Protein backbone atom coordinates (compact mmCIF):
# COMPACT_ATOMS: atom_id res chain seq x y z
CA MET A 1 120.85 111.96 71.93
CA ASN A 2 124.21 110.95 70.57
CA GLU A 3 125.89 112.91 73.27
CA ASN A 4 124.24 110.32 75.71
CA CYS A 5 124.95 107.11 74.08
CA LEU A 6 120.79 106.69 73.34
CA ALA A 7 120.78 107.34 69.61
CA GLY A 8 119.81 103.56 68.79
CA ARG A 9 118.29 102.56 72.12
CA LEU A 10 115.95 105.61 72.08
CA GLN A 11 112.29 105.23 69.89
CA PHE A 12 109.48 107.63 70.09
CA GLN A 13 106.71 106.56 68.47
CA ALA A 14 102.99 108.28 67.57
CA GLY A 15 99.63 106.65 67.75
CA ASP A 16 96.29 106.15 68.82
CA PHE A 17 95.66 105.53 72.27
CA PHE A 18 91.85 104.82 71.72
CA ASN A 19 92.58 102.87 69.32
CA GLU A 20 95.95 101.08 69.14
CA SER A 21 97.14 98.80 71.23
CA LEU A 22 100.31 100.35 72.90
CA PRO A 23 103.52 98.84 71.61
CA ASN A 24 105.63 96.18 74.24
CA VAL A 25 107.82 98.23 75.09
CA ASP A 26 110.37 99.09 78.74
CA LEU A 27 108.72 102.78 79.13
CA ILE A 28 105.47 104.50 78.74
CA LEU A 29 105.12 107.92 79.31
CA MET A 30 102.30 110.17 79.41
CA GLY A 31 102.63 113.59 79.68
CA HIS A 32 99.53 116.10 80.70
CA ILE A 33 97.22 112.99 78.98
CA LEU A 34 95.30 111.13 81.81
CA HIS A 35 93.85 115.26 83.38
CA ASP A 36 92.08 115.21 80.33
CA TRP A 37 89.54 112.20 80.89
CA GLY A 38 87.13 110.88 83.05
CA LEU A 39 87.60 108.07 85.34
CA GLU A 40 86.77 105.13 83.31
CA THR A 41 88.97 106.36 80.40
CA LYS A 42 92.08 107.49 82.99
CA LYS A 43 91.85 103.82 84.25
CA MET A 44 91.44 102.14 80.52
CA LEU A 45 94.51 104.03 79.76
CA ILE A 46 96.61 102.52 83.05
CA ARG A 47 95.84 99.57 82.24
CA LYS A 48 96.68 99.68 78.43
CA ALA A 49 99.77 100.59 79.65
CA TYR A 50 100.09 98.13 82.02
CA ASP A 51 99.43 95.20 79.57
CA ALA A 52 101.96 96.82 76.36
CA LEU A 53 105.13 97.35 79.14
CA SER A 54 107.90 94.94 79.90
CA THR A 55 108.30 93.21 83.18
CA GLY A 56 109.67 95.46 85.09
CA GLY A 57 108.67 98.21 82.47
CA ILE A 58 107.28 101.62 84.09
CA LEU A 59 104.59 103.58 83.33
CA ALA A 60 105.68 107.71 84.07
CA VAL A 61 102.38 110.15 84.39
CA TYR A 62 103.67 113.41 84.91
CA ASP A 63 100.55 115.66 85.72
CA SER A 64 99.59 119.46 87.88
CA LEU A 65 99.26 116.62 90.71
CA ILE A 66 96.83 118.05 93.86
CA ASP A 67 98.71 117.79 96.39
CA ASP A 68 96.83 115.13 98.58
CA ASP A 69 95.42 117.05 101.25
CA ARG A 70 93.94 119.20 98.57
CA SER A 71 95.26 122.62 100.26
CA VAL A 72 98.35 123.72 99.11
CA ASN A 73 98.56 123.22 94.97
CA ALA A 74 96.69 125.54 93.94
CA PHE A 75 97.87 125.40 90.51
CA GLY A 76 96.74 121.92 90.51
CA LEU A 77 93.68 122.72 91.93
CA LEU A 78 92.40 125.51 89.46
CA MET A 79 93.67 123.37 86.59
CA SER A 80 91.66 120.73 87.31
CA LEU A 81 88.64 123.11 87.57
CA ASN A 82 89.83 124.40 84.09
CA MET A 83 89.78 120.44 82.85
CA LEU A 84 85.74 120.34 83.84
CA ILE A 85 85.04 123.25 82.02
CA GLU A 86 86.74 122.74 78.59
CA THR A 87 86.37 119.35 79.07
CA PRO A 88 82.97 116.97 79.35
CA LYS A 89 84.88 114.65 81.70
CA GLY A 90 88.49 115.50 82.99
CA PHE A 91 89.85 116.91 85.58
CA ASP A 92 92.80 116.86 87.53
CA TYR A 93 93.48 114.59 90.48
CA THR A 94 96.48 113.68 93.22
CA GLY A 95 99.40 111.52 93.01
CA ALA A 96 97.67 109.07 96.01
CA ASP A 97 94.43 108.77 93.39
CA CYS A 98 97.04 108.02 90.27
CA CYS A 99 98.96 105.54 92.57
CA GLY A 100 95.80 103.45 93.61
CA TRP A 101 94.82 103.11 89.75
CA MET A 102 98.20 102.26 88.83
CA LYS A 103 97.75 99.19 91.74
CA GLU A 104 94.23 98.46 90.70
CA ALA A 105 95.53 97.87 87.17
CA GLY A 106 98.36 95.41 88.49
CA PHE A 107 101.88 97.66 88.90
CA GLN A 108 103.85 96.78 92.13
CA ASP A 109 105.70 100.01 93.07
CA THR A 110 104.38 103.49 92.76
CA HIS A 111 105.59 106.70 93.83
CA VAL A 112 105.45 110.57 93.55
CA GLU A 113 107.85 112.66 92.80
CA HIS A 114 108.10 116.05 92.91
CA LEU A 115 109.39 118.03 90.11
CA VAL A 116 109.27 121.74 89.38
CA ARG A 117 106.10 123.54 89.95
CA PRO A 118 103.75 123.12 89.54
CA ASP A 119 104.43 119.10 87.96
CA SER A 120 104.87 116.19 89.71
CA VAL A 121 105.21 112.53 88.55
CA VAL A 122 103.28 109.54 89.24
CA ILE A 123 105.79 106.17 88.83
CA GLY A 124 104.42 102.77 88.06
CA VAL A 125 106.82 99.87 88.01
CA LYS A 126 105.46 96.60 86.52
């Protein structure tokens, strides 16, 4: 981190997002987290992130998103099936789904950025 002069500006914090409040920060990253849970828990975690972020703060959610047409990203569809088998309520979702949940929580701006297959990231700005 020192190469980019981030040593004094970047901090990772462990915690239990079910039983603790999230820290007041500028960025929250949820990687391969939301797909483990049912819809109500997904929305609760997004809302907790919104509440913890400072104005202008960013929630970045990356997962193996299903394409909005549900016709291209076979890996995302198979991962969703896998989550339905391995977890009580988990499922994968589309970028449009996640943007909608973020807007419902209060995020002003949302968009999807495609990463190296099969992952994408959904960005929400408070």
